[in-house]
C-alpha atoms as a PDB file:
ATOM      1  CA  UNK A   1     -14.828  69.454 214.646  1.00  0.00           C
ATOM      2  CA  UNK A   2     -12.111  66.567 215.640  1.00  0.00           C
ATOM      3  CA  UNK A   3     -12.500  67.523 219.809  1.00  0.00           C
ATOM      4  CA  UNK A   4     -16.573  67.437 219.516  1.00  0.00           C
ATOM      5  CA  UNK A   5     -15.790  63.883 217.425  1.00  0.00           C
ATOM      6  CA  UNK A   6     -13.540  62.721 220.102  1.00  0.00           C
ATOM      7  CA  UNK A   7     -16.179  63.707 222.794  1.00  0.00           C
ATOM      8  CA  UNK A   8     -18.876  61.987 220.864  1.00  0.00           C
ATOM      9  CA  UNK A   9     -16.796  58.945 220.708  1.00  0.00           C
ATOM     10  CA  UNK A  10     -15.945  59.089 224.529  1.00  0.00           C
ATOM     11  CA  UNK A  11     -19.188  59.760 225.260  1.00  0.00           C
ATOM     12  CA  UNK A  12     -20.911  56.567 223.106  1.00  0.00           C
ATOM     13  CA  UNK A  13     -18.048  54.255 224.860  1.00  0.00           C
ATOM     14  CA  UNK A  14     -18.894  55.774 228.557  1.00  0.00           C
ATOM     15  CA  UNK A  15     -22.435  54.588 227.719  1.00  0.00           C
ATOM     16  CA  UNK A  16     -21.535  51.325 226.472  1.00  0.00           C
ATOM     17  CA  UNK A  17     -19.268  50.175 229.014  1.00  0.00           C
ATOM     18  CA  UNK A  18     -22.006  51.505 231.488  1.00  0.00           C
ATOM     19  CA  UNK A  19     -24.699  48.891 229.763  1.00  0.00           C
ATOM     20  CA  UNK A  20     -22.164  46.367 230.177  1.00  0.00           C
ATOM     21  CA  UNK A  21     -21.795  46.776 233.850  1.00  0.00           C
ATOM     22  CA  UNK A  22     -25.674  47.100 234.249  1.00  0.00           C
ATOM     23  CA  UNK A  23     -26.196  44.260 232.535  1.00  0.00           C
ATOM     24  CA  UNK A  24     -23.659  42.183 234.647  1.00  0.00           C
ATOM     25  CA  UNK A  25     -25.242  43.563 237.677  1.00  0.00           C
ATOM     26  CA  UNK A  26     -28.602  41.933 236.522  1.00  0.00           C
ATOM     27  CA  UNK A  27     -26.882  38.874 235.670  1.00  0.00           C
ATOM     28  CA  UNK A  28     -27.953  35.027 237.182  1.00  0.00           C
ATOM     29  CA  UNK A  29     -24.668  34.443 237.454  1.00  0.00           C
ATOM     30  CA  UNK A  30     -23.741  37.613 239.479  1.00  0.00           C
ATOM     31  CA  UNK A  31     -26.724  36.506 241.521  1.00  0.00           C
ATOM     32  CA  UNK A  32     -25.363  33.361 241.702  1.00  0.00           C
ATOM     33  CA  UNK A  33     -21.414  34.182 242.788  1.00  0.00           C
ATOM     34  CA  UNK A  34     -23.339  36.562 245.804  1.00  0.00           C
ATOM     35  CA  UNK A  35     -25.870  34.225 247.093  1.00  0.00           C
ATOM     36  CA  UNK A  36     -23.324  31.472 247.108  1.00  0.00           C
ATOM     37  CA  UNK A  37     -25.778  28.497 245.554  1.00  0.00           C
ATOM     38  CA  UNK A  38     -26.558  27.873 242.409  1.00  0.00           C
ATOM     39  CA  UNK A  39     -30.176  26.501 242.133  1.00  0.00           C
ATOM     40  CA  UNK A  40     -30.822  24.215 239.521  1.00  0.00           C
ATOM     41  CA  UNK A  41     -34.491  22.856 238.573  1.00  0.00           C
ATOM     42  CA  UNK A  42     -34.409  19.083 237.493  1.00  0.00           C
ATOM     43  CA  UNK A  43     -36.876  16.108 237.410  1.00  0.00           C
ATOM     44  CA  UNK A  44     -34.959  13.380 239.287  1.00  0.00           C
ATOM     45  CA  UNK A  45     -36.510  10.515 237.718  1.00  0.00           C
ATOM     46  CA  UNK A  46     -35.055   9.948 234.196  1.00  0.00           C
ATOM     47  CA  UNK A  47     -32.171   7.468 234.862  1.00  0.00           C
ATOM     48  CA  UNK A  48     -29.243   7.644 234.299  1.00  0.00           C
ATOM     49  CA  UNK A  49     -29.510  11.753 234.353  1.00  0.00           C
ATOM     50  CA  UNK A  50     -30.836  12.177 237.621  1.00  0.00           C
ATOM     51  CA  UNK A  51     -32.997   9.950 240.031  1.00  0.00           C
ATOM     52  CA  UNK A  52     -32.621   9.121 243.554  1.00  0.00           C
ATOM     53  CA  UNK A  53     -30.912   6.553 245.374  1.00  0.00           C
ATOM     54  CA  UNK A  54     -31.971   4.645 247.918  1.00  0.00           C
ATOM     55  CA  UNK A  55     -31.513   6.648 251.003  1.00  0.00           C
ATOM     56  CA  UNK A  56     -33.376   9.309 248.790  1.00  0.00           C
ATOM     57  CA  UNK A  57     -30.624  11.680 247.306  1.00  0.00           C
ATOM     58  CA  UNK A  58     -30.484  12.537 243.922  1.00  0.00           C
ATOM     59  CA  UNK A  59     -27.620  11.531 241.766  1.00  0.00           C
ATOM     60  CA  UNK A  60     -26.701  11.028 238.218  1.00  0.00           C
ATOM     61  CA  UNK A  61     -25.116  12.669 235.312  1.00  0.00           C
ATOM     62  CA  UNK A  62     -26.628  15.825 235.458  1.00  0.00           C
ATOM     63  CA  UNK A  63     -25.818  16.283 239.300  1.00  0.00           C
ATOM     64  CA  UNK A  64     -22.182  15.277 238.713  1.00  0.00           C
ATOM     65  CA  UNK A  65     -22.487  18.489 236.324  1.00  0.00           C
ATOM     66  CA  UNK A  66     -23.908  20.881 238.528  1.00  0.00           C
ATOM     67  CA  UNK A  67     -21.637  19.840 241.108  1.00  0.00           C
ATOM     68  CA  UNK A  68     -18.547  20.259 238.973  1.00  0.00           C
ATOM     69  CA  UNK A  69     -20.094  23.797 237.346  1.00  0.00           C
ATOM     70  CA  UNK A  70     -20.788  24.630 241.017  1.00  0.00           C
ATOM     71  CA  UNK A  71     -17.275  24.223 241.730  1.00  0.00           C
ATOM     72  CA  UNK A  72     -15.812  26.396 239.437  1.00  0.00           C
ATOM     73  CA  UNK A  73     -18.220  29.173 240.338  1.00  0.00           C
ATOM     74  CA  UNK A  74     -16.702  28.593 243.710  1.00  0.00           C
ATOM     75  CA  UNK A  75     -20.503  27.917 245.111  1.00  0.00           C
ATOM     76  CA  UNK A  76     -22.575  25.360 246.133  1.00  0.00           C
ATOM     77  CA  UNK A  77     -25.098  23.179 244.359  1.00  0.00           C
ATOM     78  CA  UNK A  78     -28.219  22.900 245.328  1.00  0.00           C
ATOM     79  CA  UNK A  79     -30.598  20.578 243.060  1.00  0.00           C
ATOM     80  CA  UNK A  80     -34.168  21.478 243.040  1.00  0.00           C
ATOM     81  CA  UNK A  81     -36.911  18.777 242.858  1.00  0.00           C
ATOM     82  CA  UNK A  82     -39.390  20.303 240.350  1.00  0.00           C
ATOM     83  CA  UNK A  83     -41.956  17.977 237.987  1.00  0.00           C
ATOM     84  CA  UNK A  84     -41.294  17.968 234.624  1.00  0.00           C
ATOM     85  CA  UNK A  85     -44.798  19.828 233.073  1.00  0.00           C
ATOM     86  CA  UNK A  86     -43.474  22.496 235.327  1.00  0.00           C
ATOM     87  CA  UNK A  87     -39.738  23.029 234.925  1.00  0.00           C
ATOM     88  CA  UNK A  88     -39.413  26.003 232.535  1.00  0.00           C
ATOM     89  CA  UNK A  89     -42.130  27.570 234.635  1.00  0.00           C
ATOM     90  CA  UNK A  90     -40.165  27.566 237.625  1.00  0.00           C
ATOM     91  CA  UNK A  91     -36.866  28.598 235.755  1.00  0.00           C
ATOM     92  CA  UNK A  92     -38.892  31.525 234.629  1.00  0.00           C
ATOM     93  CA  UNK A  93     -40.676  32.689 238.010  1.00  0.00           C
ATOM     94  CA  UNK A  94     -36.762  32.597 240.021  1.00  0.00           C
ATOM     95  CA  UNK A  95     -37.155  29.447 241.651  1.00  0.00           C
ATOM     96  CA  UNK A  96     -33.691  28.082 239.759  1.00  0.00           C
ATOM     97  CA  UNK A  97     -31.377  29.825 238.191  1.00  0.00           C
ATOM     98  CA  UNK A  98     -30.894  27.142 235.388  1.00  0.00           C
ATOM     99  CA  UNK A  99     -32.691  23.683 234.175  1.00  0.00           C
ATOM    100  CA  UNK A 100     -29.923  20.624 234.926  1.00  0.00           C
ATOM    101  CA  UNK A 101     -32.774  18.034 233.500  1.00  0.00           C
ATOM    102  CA  UNK A 102     -30.986  16.084 229.706  1.00  0.00           C
ATOM    103  CA  UNK A 103     -33.753  18.525 228.291  1.00  0.00           C
ATOM    104  CA  UNK A 104     -34.233  18.107 224.444  1.00  0.00           C
ATOM    105  CA  UNK A 105     -33.051  21.639 222.788  1.00  0.00           C
ATOM    106  CA  UNK A 106     -36.043  22.678 220.236  1.00  0.00           C
ATOM    107  CA  UNK A 107     -37.283  25.838 218.862  1.00  0.00           C
ATOM    108  CA  UNK A 108     -40.517  26.194 220.955  1.00  0.00           C
ATOM    109  CA  UNK A 109     -38.948  26.400 223.864  1.00  0.00           C
ATOM    110  CA  UNK A 110     -36.051  28.179 222.584  1.00  0.00           C
ATOM    111  CA  UNK A 111     -38.958  31.136 222.256  1.00  0.00           C
ATOM    112  CA  UNK A 112     -39.417  31.321 225.872  1.00  0.00           C
ATOM    113  CA  UNK A 113     -35.795  30.090 227.310  1.00  0.00           C
ATOM    114  CA  UNK A 114     -32.012  30.378 226.508  1.00  0.00           C
ATOM    115  CA  UNK A 115     -30.205  27.136 225.832  1.00  0.00           C
ATOM    116  CA  UNK A 116     -26.414  26.868 226.035  1.00  0.00           C
ATOM    117  CA  UNK A 117     -24.593  24.427 223.534  1.00  0.00           C
ATOM    118  CA  UNK A 118     -25.375  20.798 223.732  1.00  0.00           C
ATOM    119  CA  UNK A 119     -23.826  18.626 226.135  1.00  0.00           C
ATOM    120  CA  UNK A 120     -24.863  15.474 224.978  1.00  0.00           C
ATOM    121  CA  UNK A 121     -26.900  14.187 221.833  1.00  0.00           C
ATOM    122  CA  UNK A 122     -29.405  11.427 222.505  1.00  0.00           C
ATOM    123  CA  UNK A 123     -32.655   9.770 220.421  1.00  0.00           C
ATOM    124  CA  UNK A 124     -35.584   8.628 220.469  1.00  0.00           C
ATOM    125  CA  UNK A 125     -35.547   4.632 220.288  1.00  0.00           C
ATOM    126  CA  UNK A 126     -38.661   2.047 220.489  1.00  0.00           C
ATOM    127  CA  UNK A 127     -38.883  -1.057 223.380  1.00  0.00           C
ATOM    128  CA  UNK A 128     -41.530  -3.557 222.293  1.00  0.00           C
ATOM    129  CA  UNK A 129     -43.114  -6.705 223.537  1.00  0.00           C
ATOM    130  CA  UNK A 130     -41.462  -9.859 223.168  1.00  0.00           C
ATOM    131  CA  UNK A 131     -43.956 -11.201 221.447  1.00  0.00           C
ATOM    132  CA  UNK A 132     -43.597  -8.868 218.275  1.00  0.00           C
ATOM    133  CA  UNK A 133     -39.895 -10.002 217.687  1.00  0.00           C
ATOM    134  CA  UNK A 134     -39.557 -10.660 213.974  1.00  0.00           C
ATOM    135  CA  UNK A 135     -43.250  -9.259 213.425  1.00  0.00           C
ATOM    136  CA  UNK A 136     -41.692  -5.691 214.087  1.00  0.00           C
ATOM    137  CA  UNK A 137     -38.222  -4.852 212.433  1.00  0.00           C
ATOM    138  CA  UNK A 138     -38.698  -1.223 212.346  1.00  0.00           C
ATOM    139  CA  UNK A 139     -40.336   1.002 214.541  1.00  0.00           C
ATOM    140  CA  UNK A 140     -42.750   2.829 211.242  1.00  0.00           C
ATOM    141  CA  UNK A 141     -44.426  -1.120 210.944  1.00  0.00           C
ATOM    142  CA  UNK A 142     -46.032  -0.239 214.698  1.00  0.00           C
ATOM    143  CA  UNK A 143     -47.715   2.613 212.936  1.00  0.00           C
ATOM    144  CA  UNK A 144     -51.117   0.377 212.392  1.00  0.00           C
ATOM    145  CA  UNK A 145     -54.717   0.641 214.335  1.00  0.00           C
ATOM    146  CA  UNK A 146     -54.435  -1.930 216.995  1.00  0.00           C
ATOM    147  CA  UNK A 147     -51.001  -1.288 218.248  1.00  0.00           C
ATOM    148  CA  UNK A 148     -50.812   1.044 221.476  1.00  0.00           C
ATOM    149  CA  UNK A 149     -47.767   3.584 221.684  1.00  0.00           C
ATOM    150  CA  UNK A 150     -46.721   4.317 224.901  1.00  0.00           C
ATOM    151  CA  UNK A 151     -44.375   7.210 226.362  1.00  0.00           C
ATOM    152  CA  UNK A 152     -44.020   9.820 229.028  1.00  0.00           C
ATOM    153  CA  UNK A 153     -46.174  13.008 229.385  1.00  0.00           C
ATOM    154  CA  UNK A 154     -44.903  16.603 227.970  1.00  0.00           C
ATOM    155  CA  UNK A 155     -41.518  15.308 226.490  1.00  0.00           C
ATOM    156  CA  UNK A 156     -39.931  14.882 223.234  1.00  0.00           C
ATOM    157  CA  UNK A 157     -41.147  11.326 222.886  1.00  0.00           C
ATOM    158  CA  UNK A 158     -44.765  12.598 222.820  1.00  0.00           C
ATOM    159  CA  UNK A 159     -44.224  14.749 220.083  1.00  0.00           C
ATOM    160  CA  UNK A 160     -42.314  11.881 218.185  1.00  0.00           C
ATOM    161  CA  UNK A 161     -44.747   9.172 219.040  1.00  0.00           C
ATOM    162  CA  UNK A 162     -47.632  11.506 217.516  1.00  0.00           C
ATOM    163  CA  UNK A 163     -45.918  12.514 214.795  1.00  0.00           C
ATOM    164  CA  UNK A 164     -44.532   9.005 213.594  1.00  0.00           C
ATOM    165  CA  UNK A 165     -47.410   6.834 215.320  1.00  0.00           C
ATOM    166  CA  UNK A 166     -50.628   8.556 213.411  1.00  0.00           C
ATOM    167  CA  UNK A 167     -52.446   5.314 213.244  1.00  0.00           C
ATOM    168  CA  UNK A 168     -51.640   3.589 216.310  1.00  0.00           C
ATOM    169  CA  UNK A 169     -53.288   4.685 219.679  1.00  0.00           C
ATOM    170  CA  UNK A 170     -50.503   7.019 221.701  1.00  0.00           C
ATOM    171  CA  UNK A 171     -50.786   6.815 225.564  1.00  0.00           C
ATOM    172  CA  UNK A 172     -48.859   8.801 227.979  1.00  0.00           C
ATOM    173  CA  UNK A 173     -48.366   8.720 231.396  1.00  0.00           C
ATOM    174  CA  UNK A 174     -46.542  10.796 234.489  1.00  0.00           C
ATOM    175  CA  UNK A 175     -43.159   8.816 234.561  1.00  0.00           C
ATOM    176  CA  UNK A 176     -41.213   7.088 232.127  1.00  0.00           C
ATOM    177  CA  UNK A 177     -41.196   4.032 234.527  1.00  0.00           C
ATOM    178  CA  UNK A 178     -45.221   3.814 234.671  1.00  0.00           C
ATOM    179  CA  UNK A 179     -45.312   3.782 230.523  1.00  0.00           C
ATOM    180  CA  UNK A 180     -42.375   1.248 230.100  1.00  0.00           C
ATOM    181  CA  UNK A 181     -44.551  -1.239 232.887  1.00  0.00           C
ATOM    182  CA  UNK A 182     -46.968  -0.892 230.365  1.00  0.00           C
ATOM    183  CA  UNK A 183     -45.170  -2.614 228.001  1.00  0.00           C
ATOM    184  CA  UNK A 184     -43.731  -5.154 230.356  1.00  0.00           C
ATOM    185  CA  UNK A 185     -47.230  -5.935 231.540  1.00  0.00           C
ATOM    186  CA  UNK A 186     -48.377  -6.416 228.364  1.00  0.00           C
ATOM    187  CA  UNK A 187     -50.791  -3.651 228.171  1.00  0.00           C
ATOM    188  CA  UNK A 188     -48.937  -1.863 225.508  1.00  0.00           C
ATOM    189  CA  UNK A 189     -47.440  -2.884 222.578  1.00  0.00           C
ATOM    190  CA  UNK A 190     -44.365  -0.269 222.522  1.00  0.00           C
ATOM    191  CA  UNK A 191     -42.948   2.523 224.718  1.00  0.00           C
ATOM    192  CA  UNK A 192     -40.602   5.824 222.639  1.00  0.00           C
ATOM    193  CA  UNK A 193     -38.291   6.967 225.088  1.00  0.00           C
ATOM    194  CA  UNK A 194     -34.649   8.377 225.011  1.00  0.00           C
ATOM    195  CA  UNK A 195     -32.250   6.382 224.261  1.00  0.00           C
ATOM    196  CA  UNK A 196     -29.594   6.356 227.047  1.00  0.00           C
ATOM    197  CA  UNK A 197     -32.945   5.536 229.151  1.00  0.00           C
ATOM    198  CA  UNK A 198     -33.910   2.396 226.663  1.00  0.00           C
ATOM    199  CA  UNK A 199     -30.546   0.758 227.104  1.00  0.00           C
ATOM    200  CA  UNK A 200     -30.458   0.723 230.624  1.00  0.00           C
ATOM    201  CA  UNK A 201     -34.204  -0.198 230.956  1.00  0.00           C
ATOM    202  CA  UNK A 202     -33.068  -3.435 228.480  1.00  0.00           C
ATOM    203  CA  UNK A 203     -30.376  -4.270 230.743  1.00  0.00           C
ATOM    204  CA  UNK A 204     -32.057  -4.313 233.661  1.00  0.00           C
ATOM    205  CA  UNK A 205     -35.891  -4.939 233.950  1.00  0.00           C
ATOM    206  CA  UNK A 206     -36.406  -5.301 229.785  1.00  0.00           C
ATOM    207  CA  UNK A 207     -33.660  -8.173 229.798  1.00  0.00           C
ATOM    208  CA  UNK A 208     -35.368 -11.048 228.074  1.00  0.00           C
ATOM    209  CA  UNK A 209     -38.704  -9.708 228.160  1.00  0.00           C
ATOM    210  CA  UNK A 210     -38.822  -6.670 225.984  1.00  0.00           C
ATOM    211  CA  UNK A 211     -37.052  -5.941 222.153  1.00  0.00           C
ATOM    212  CA  UNK A 212     -34.950  -2.390 221.784  1.00  0.00           C
ATOM    213  CA  UNK A 213     -35.588  -1.078 218.440  1.00  0.00           C
ATOM    214  CA  UNK A 214     -31.974   0.830 218.775  1.00  0.00           C
ATOM    215  CA  UNK A 215     -32.106   2.810 215.537  1.00  0.00           C
ATOM    216  CA  UNK A 216     -33.054   6.590 216.841  1.00  0.00           C
ATOM    217  CA  UNK A 217     -35.875   8.142 215.233  1.00  0.00           C
ATOM    218  CA  UNK A 218     -34.957  11.736 215.942  1.00  0.00           C
ATOM    219  CA  UNK A 219     -31.700  14.090 216.533  1.00  0.00           C
ATOM    220  CA  UNK A 220     -31.903  15.528 219.952  1.00  0.00           C
ATOM    221  CA  UNK A 221     -29.141  18.059 221.532  1.00  0.00           C
ATOM    222  CA  UNK A 222     -29.957  18.105 225.291  1.00  0.00           C
ATOM    223  CA  UNK A 223     -28.404  21.523 226.901  1.00  0.00           C
ATOM    224  CA  UNK A 224     -28.919  23.678 229.680  1.00  0.00           C
ATOM    225  CA  UNK A 225     -31.617  26.456 229.972  1.00  0.00           C
ATOM    226  CA  UNK A 226     -31.272  29.733 231.484  1.00  0.00           C
ATOM    227  CA  UNK A 227     -33.692  32.911 231.015  1.00  0.00           C
ATOM    228  CA  UNK A 228     -33.615  35.145 228.361  1.00  0.00           C
ATOM    229  CA  UNK A 229     -31.693  38.426 228.373  1.00  0.00           C
ATOM    230  CA  UNK A 230     -28.509  36.767 229.895  1.00  0.00           C
ATOM    231  CA  UNK A 231     -25.245  36.994 227.728  1.00  0.00           C
ATOM    232  CA  UNK A 232     -22.891  36.737 230.614  1.00  0.00           C
ATOM    233  CA  UNK A 233     -24.392  33.585 231.844  1.00  0.00           C
ATOM    234  CA  UNK A 234     -24.751  31.496 228.548  1.00  0.00           C
ATOM    235  CA  UNK A 235     -21.183  33.093 227.899  1.00  0.00           C
ATOM    236  CA  UNK A 236     -19.655  31.472 231.279  1.00  0.00           C
ATOM    237  CA  UNK A 237     -21.659  27.996 230.392  1.00  0.00           C
ATOM    238  CA  UNK A 238     -20.487  27.441 227.086  1.00  0.00           C
ATOM    239  CA  UNK A 239     -16.707  27.962 228.003  1.00  0.00           C
ATOM    240  CA  UNK A 240     -17.221  26.043 230.862  1.00  0.00           C
ATOM    241  CA  UNK A 241     -18.611  23.265 228.739  1.00  0.00           C
ATOM    242  CA  UNK A 242     -16.039  23.701 226.149  1.00  0.00           C
ATOM    243  CA  UNK A 243     -13.773  23.605 228.806  1.00  0.00           C
ATOM    244  CA  UNK A 244     -15.063  20.303 230.179  1.00  0.00           C
ATOM    245  CA  UNK A 245     -15.028  18.676 227.046  1.00  0.00           C
ATOM    246  CA  UNK A 246     -11.985  19.380 225.429  1.00  0.00           C
ATOM    247  CA  UNK A 247      -9.381  19.081 228.374  1.00  0.00           C
ATOM    248  CA  UNK A 248      -7.956  15.885 228.141  1.00  0.00           C
ATOM    249  CA  UNK A 249      -5.845  15.359 230.725  1.00  0.00           C
ATOM    250  CA  UNK A 250      -8.549  15.752 233.696  1.00  0.00           C
ATOM    251  CA  UNK A 251     -11.193  14.392 231.112  1.00  0.00           C
ATOM    252  CA  UNK A 252     -14.023  15.355 232.804  1.00  0.00           C
ATOM    253  CA  UNK A 253     -16.700  14.742 230.305  1.00  0.00           C
ATOM    254  CA  UNK A 254     -14.985  11.334 229.076  1.00  0.00           C
ATOM    255  CA  UNK A 255     -15.040   9.932 232.706  1.00  0.00           C
ATOM    256  CA  UNK A 256     -19.066  11.686 233.222  1.00  0.00           C
ATOM    257  CA  UNK A 257     -19.421   9.699 229.971  1.00  0.00           C
ATOM    258  CA  UNK A 258     -18.301   6.422 231.241  1.00  0.00           C
ATOM    259  CA  UNK A 259     -19.351   6.386 234.681  1.00  0.00           C
ATOM    260  CA  UNK A 260     -23.365   6.775 233.556  1.00  0.00           C
ATOM    261  CA  UNK A 261     -23.861   6.376 230.163  1.00  0.00           C
ATOM    262  CA  UNK A 262     -21.264   2.907 229.640  1.00  0.00           C
ATOM    263  CA  UNK A 263     -21.079   1.455 233.067  1.00  0.00           C
ATOM    264  CA  UNK A 264     -23.807  -0.067 235.111  1.00  0.00           C
ATOM    265  CA  UNK A 265     -22.721  -0.224 238.392  1.00  0.00           C
ATOM    266  CA  UNK A 266     -24.877   2.495 239.639  1.00  0.00           C
ATOM    267  CA  UNK A 267     -27.698   0.324 239.257  1.00  0.00           C
ATOM    268  CA  UNK A 268     -26.982  -0.970 242.373  1.00  0.00           C
ATOM    269  CA  UNK A 269     -27.276   2.241 244.208  1.00  0.00           C
ATOM    270  CA  UNK A 270     -30.827   2.629 242.930  1.00  0.00           C
ATOM    271  CA  UNK A 271     -32.543  -0.812 243.391  1.00  0.00           C
END
């Protein structure tokens, strides 16, 4: 009887090992290593995370993180420029291995894709026309008929705008730059978008022309997205992120935050 139980245990263990091996063979991480390339989908119009410099090269926070990730894998980093409204579909159809495009982790998106742990936490803030300074001191005061709120199509800003501003008119645009320009040109009263972008916009084009209501309306963790059913890749990403954040000797994460989220020297490369 003992021999039978032992044999069954050995058989079960072998099956589990076989399942693990088969899972690894199907893993995107395994495919990346074999191919020698890490293909990352991103929409290069979101400063400072991904954008094009004067020479047309894609640069930014996510690009540097992607290059570091690829280096640790021993492969080449390949950014795949993708329109935002089709970025999840591109991942699911295998056009890229991962989304590295400052994507907010939401429960709705999580039904389609898996996320690694957050690498940055941001929130939505509001830029208003300077003529409203003093009159509008809190974003909620914009929720009245007669006010026009603009944001980018298909992002968290659109969801938040429609949730917070039910009485105001909400208009969306293909890019955040086009939406913000509406406020600059006096065609809209306010622009709602991610805090890092708004801070940078105020240090440049919005300086002296707009007012930043900088108290975040939301809590938004940003994460890398991958296809479902890939625990090996997810495990690797979370361990890589933990090492990048916690290794204070190298301080990659601290230097990255300073370069892209605190300093504005990089603006000279895109203007």
